[in-house]
Amino acid sequence: MNQRFRHSADSHAPIVLWIVAICSLPEVLFTLLETPLFGLPELRRTALVSLAFWPHIVTEGWQPVWPGQSMAMFVTYAFLHGGFLHLLFNMLVLLHLGRECVARLGNWGFFVLYILTAIGGAAGFLLLSDSPGPMVGASGSIFGLFGAVQYWDWQRRRATRQSLGPFWKVMLGLVLMNVILYIMVGGYLAWQAHLGGYVAGFLIARLATPTLRHRASRFH
């Protein structure tokens, strides 16, 4: 990574910090209100009912609680989490991958990538899961960032005739990570959203940066 790219990645990613803040604020508030000091768990439940992804609203005709929920939930779920550990893991990965994506796509491009991969994650969950929900978490978008970064690595390696071995090793690592997490949480892992987000991120990166020359022009 050249110095110019490194400076851009480290210094010009406010959208990443904004998304971290927007994801973190609800979890902090819910956790605080659930303590004995307040004893108000209802807010988290209300948020889950209103903003989580409920596949049966689409597949079984469940009644939305507010107009537009059936469409908005494809995005709103990605800003809620099931607890601090869930939030912490996703936000650390977001900070790690987000700066590179911003450096390649710009702040608004990154925002579009985040939203579209959230939709891709929800679509994957809708198509591959028979769970009635709810599903929450930024991991659909997080794996979308993995997909985008993986595409750029694949593109660079093919253009420079380097081995694709490291690409496939990362791919295998992502699969193993999902298997381990699936076992650790007793099957309560929305791997379908991970897959949907990854595929969406890979394809979006392919459309946004079709050639190395086009990609390089975005650095200037």
Protein backbone atom coordinates (compact mmCIF):
# COMPACT_ATOMS: atom_id res chain seq x y z
CA MET A 1 0.00 0.00 0.00
CA ASN A 2 1.54 3.32 -1.02
CA GLN A 3 1.81 6.29 1.32
CA ARG A 4 -0.87 8.27 -0.43
CA PHE A 5 -3.36 5.44 -0.19
CA ARG A 6 -2.48 4.85 3.48
CA HIS A 7 -3.02 8.51 4.32
CA SER A 8 -6.40 8.51 2.58
CA ALA A 9 -7.47 5.32 4.32
CA ASP A 10 -6.52 6.59 7.75
CA SER A 11 -7.67 10.20 7.54
CA HIS A 12 -10.76 10.46 5.37
CA ALA A 13 -13.32 7.95 6.61
CA PRO A 14 -15.80 9.94 8.72
CA ILE A 15 -18.70 7.91 7.32
CA VAL A 16 -17.26 4.81 9.01
CA LEU A 17 -17.21 6.56 12.38
CA TRP A 18 -20.76 7.83 11.84
CA ILE A 19 -22.02 4.32 11.15
CA VAL A 20 -20.21 3.01 14.23
CA ALA A 21 -21.86 5.75 16.29
CA ILE A 22 -25.32 5.10 14.87
CA CYS A 23 -24.99 1.36 15.55
CA SER A 24 -23.55 1.87 19.04
CA LEU A 25 -25.99 4.44 20.40
CA PRO A 26 -29.08 2.18 20.45
CA GLU A 27 -27.19 -0.69 22.10
CA VAL A 28 -25.78 1.63 24.79
CA LEU A 29 -29.25 3.04 25.44
CA PHE A 30 -30.96 -0.37 25.52
CA THR A 31 -28.34 -1.81 27.87
CA LEU A 32 -28.56 1.17 30.21
CA LEU A 33 -32.34 1.02 30.39
CA GLU A 34 -32.24 -2.73 31.10
CA THR A 35 -30.16 -2.24 34.27
CA PRO A 36 -31.87 -2.41 37.68
CA LEU A 37 -31.50 1.36 37.91
CA PHE A 38 -34.14 1.81 35.21
CA GLY A 39 -35.64 -1.64 34.65
CA LEU A 40 -37.03 -0.74 31.24
CA PRO A 41 -36.42 -3.58 28.77
CA GLU A 42 -39.43 -2.56 26.70
CA LEU A 43 -37.47 -0.19 24.47
CA ARG A 44 -35.30 -2.99 23.07
CA ARG A 45 -38.37 -5.12 22.43
CA THR A 46 -40.12 -2.23 20.71
CA ALA A 47 -37.07 -1.62 18.52
CA LEU A 48 -36.89 -5.30 17.58
CA VAL A 49 -40.56 -5.39 16.65
CA SER A 50 -40.31 -2.20 14.61
CA LEU A 51 -36.82 -2.28 13.07
CA ALA A 52 -35.49 -5.85 13.00
CA PHE A 53 -35.73 -7.98 9.87
CA TRP A 54 -38.80 -10.22 10.01
CA PRO A 55 -38.81 -12.53 6.96
CA HIS A 56 -42.37 -13.69 7.59
CA ILE A 57 -43.63 -10.19 6.87
CA VAL A 58 -42.62 -10.98 3.29
CA THR A 59 -43.18 -14.74 3.08
CA GLU A 60 -46.19 -15.22 5.35
CA GLY A 61 -47.94 -11.90 5.07
CA TRP A 62 -47.42 -10.86 8.68
CA GLN A 63 -48.84 -7.42 9.36
CA PRO A 64 -46.19 -4.67 9.59
CA VAL A 65 -46.45 -2.47 12.66
CA TRP A 66 -45.87 0.71 10.64
CA PRO A 67 -46.26 1.69 6.97
CA GLY A 68 -43.16 0.95 4.96
CA GLN A 69 -41.68 -1.50 7.48
CA SER A 70 -41.70 -4.34 4.96
CA MET A 71 -39.22 -2.39 2.82
CA ALA A 72 -37.30 -0.40 5.44
CA MET A 73 -36.47 -3.47 7.52
CA PHE A 74 -34.06 -4.60 4.76
CA VAL A 75 -31.81 -1.79 6.03
CA THR A 76 -32.87 -0.89 9.58
CA TYR A 77 -31.93 -4.30 11.00
CA ALA A 78 -28.27 -3.56 10.21
CA PHE A 79 -28.18 -0.78 12.82
CA LEU A 80 -29.41 -2.93 15.72
CA HIS A 81 -27.52 -5.61 17.66
CA GLY A 82 -28.24 -8.37 20.12
CA GLY A 83 -25.81 -7.23 22.81
CA PHE A 84 -22.45 -5.57 23.40
CA LEU A 85 -20.34 -8.53 22.23
CA HIS A 86 -22.31 -8.73 19.01
CA LEU A 87 -21.89 -4.99 18.51
CA LEU A 88 -18.20 -4.97 19.47
CA PHE A 89 -17.22 -7.71 17.02
CA ASN A 90 -19.02 -6.07 14.12
CA MET A 91 -17.74 -2.58 14.85
CA LEU A 92 -14.11 -3.68 15.15
CA VAL A 93 -14.29 -5.37 11.76
CA LEU A 94 -16.12 -2.37 10.32
CA LEU A 95 -13.33 -0.05 11.46
CA HIS A 96 -10.71 -2.40 10.05
CA LEU A 97 -12.25 -2.84 6.60
CA GLY A 98 -14.15 0.41 6.31
CA ARG A 99 -11.17 2.69 5.77
CA GLU A 100 -9.91 0.69 2.80
CA CYS A 101 -13.36 0.72 1.23
CA VAL A 102 -13.66 4.49 1.77
CA ALA A 103 -10.23 5.01 0.22
CA ARG A 104 -11.37 3.15 -2.88
CA LEU A 105 -14.98 4.37 -3.14
CA GLY A 106 -15.13 7.63 -1.20
CA ASN A 107 -17.44 8.37 1.72
CA TRP A 108 -20.67 8.34 -0.27
CA GLY A 109 -19.59 5.29 -2.24
CA PHE A 110 -18.90 3.51 1.02
CA PHE A 111 -22.31 4.50 2.35
CA VAL A 112 -23.98 3.08 -0.75
CA LEU A 113 -21.91 -0.10 -0.39
CA TYR A 114 -22.93 -0.46 3.26
CA ILE A 115 -26.63 -0.01 2.52
CA LEU A 116 -26.69 -2.28 -0.53
CA THR A 117 -24.81 -5.05 1.25
CA ALA A 118 -27.25 -4.76 4.16
CA ILE A 119 -30.03 -5.33 1.64
CA GLY A 120 -28.05 -8.23 0.18
CA GLY A 121 -27.67 -9.73 3.64
CA ALA A 122 -31.38 -9.46 4.31
CA ALA A 123 -32.16 -10.99 0.91
CA GLY A 124 -29.84 -13.90 1.66
CA PHE A 125 -31.56 -14.48 4.99
CA LEU A 126 -34.97 -14.22 3.36
CA LEU A 127 -34.12 -16.75 0.64
CA LEU A 128 -32.11 -19.29 2.64
CA SER A 129 -33.52 -19.23 6.17
CA ASP A 130 -36.82 -20.63 7.40
CA SER A 131 -36.57 -18.73 10.68
CA PRO A 132 -39.46 -16.38 11.48
CA GLY A 133 -36.89 -13.88 12.82
CA PRO A 134 -36.10 -11.43 14.11
CA MET A 135 -32.67 -10.91 12.57
CA VAL A 136 -30.45 -7.99 13.58
CA GLY A 137 -26.83 -6.95 13.23
CA ALA A 138 -24.42 -5.26 10.87
CA SER A 139 -22.79 -8.54 9.87
CA GLY A 140 -24.55 -8.65 6.48
CA SER A 141 -22.81 -5.39 5.63
CA ILE A 142 -19.60 -6.48 7.37
CA PHE A 143 -19.38 -9.53 5.13
CA GLY A 144 -20.26 -7.26 2.25
CA LEU A 145 -17.09 -5.31 3.02
CA PHE A 146 -15.20 -8.61 3.10
CA GLY A 147 -16.65 -9.38 -0.32
CA ALA A 148 -15.59 -6.03 -1.76
CA VAL A 149 -12.06 -6.26 -0.35
CA GLN A 150 -11.80 -9.83 -1.60
CA TYR A 151 -12.81 -8.75 -5.09
CA TRP A 152 -10.14 -6.05 -5.15
CA ASP A 153 -7.53 -8.56 -4.01
CA TRP A 154 -8.64 -11.05 -6.66
CA GLN A 155 -8.59 -8.31 -9.32
CA ARG A 156 -5.07 -7.19 -8.37
CA ARG A 157 -3.69 -10.72 -8.23
CA ARG A 158 -5.07 -11.63 -11.63
CA ALA A 159 -3.82 -8.39 -13.21
CA THR A 160 -0.32 -8.86 -11.81
CA ARG A 161 -0.28 -12.64 -12.36
CA GLN A 162 0.21 -13.33 -8.67
CA SER A 163 -0.92 -16.52 -6.98
CA LEU A 164 -4.58 -16.69 -5.98
CA GLY A 165 -3.62 -18.89 -3.04
CA PRO A 166 -3.95 -16.10 -0.43
CA PHE A 167 -7.36 -15.18 -1.87
CA TRP A 168 -8.64 -18.72 -1.39
CA LYS A 169 -7.07 -18.94 2.07
CA VAL A 170 -9.02 -15.87 3.18
CA MET A 171 -12.17 -17.36 1.66
CA LEU A 172 -11.60 -20.58 3.59
CA GLY A 173 -10.93 -18.57 6.74
CA LEU A 174 -14.28 -16.79 6.40
CA VAL A 175 -16.07 -20.11 5.99
CA LEU A 176 -14.31 -21.59 9.03
CA MET A 177 -15.09 -18.48 11.07
CA ASN A 178 -18.78 -18.92 10.30
CA VAL A 179 -18.66 -22.59 11.22
CA ILE A 180 -16.94 -21.83 14.54
CA LEU A 181 -19.34 -18.99 15.36
CA TYR A 182 -22.31 -21.19 14.43
CA ILE A 183 -21.16 -23.83 16.91
CA MET A 184 -20.31 -21.29 19.62
CA VAL A 185 -23.76 -19.68 19.54
CA GLY A 186 -25.66 -22.93 19.29
CA GLY A 187 -26.87 -22.40 15.75
CA TYR A 188 -28.16 -18.87 16.31
CA LEU A 189 -26.05 -17.39 13.55
CA ALA A 190 -27.49 -15.68 10.49
CA TRP A 191 -24.94 -17.18 8.12
CA GLN A 192 -27.43 -16.65 5.33
CA ALA A 193 -27.09 -12.88 5.82
CA HIS A 194 -23.31 -13.24 5.83
CA LEU A 195 -23.42 -15.06 2.51
CA GLY A 196 -25.89 -12.62 0.97
CA GLY A 197 -23.85 -9.64 2.09
CA TYR A 198 -20.59 -11.15 0.82
CA VAL A 199 -21.99 -11.87 -2.63
CA ALA A 200 -23.49 -8.39 -2.82
CA GLY A 201 -20.20 -6.76 -1.80
CA PHE A 202 -18.20 -8.78 -4.30
CA LEU A 203 -20.55 -7.89 -7.15
CA ILE A 204 -20.80 -4.21 -6.19
CA ALA A 205 -17.00 -3.93 -6.12
CA ARG A 206 -16.91 -5.57 -9.54
CA LEU A 207 -19.35 -2.99 -10.92
CA ALA A 208 -17.73 -0.02 -9.16
CA THR A 209 -14.15 -0.88 -10.13
CA PRO A 210 -14.27 -2.87 -13.39
CA THR A 211 -10.58 -2.35 -14.18
CA LEU A 212 -7.41 -1.52 -12.30
CA ARG A 213 -7.07 1.69 -14.33
CA HIS A 214 -10.59 2.75 -13.35
CA ARG A 215 -9.87 1.84 -9.73
CA ALA A 216 -6.60 3.78 -9.69
CA SER A 217 -8.34 6.90 -11.00
CA ARG A 218 -10.42 6.99 -7.86
CA PHE A 219 -7.34 7.41 -5.68
CA HIS A 220 -6.60 10.87 -7.15
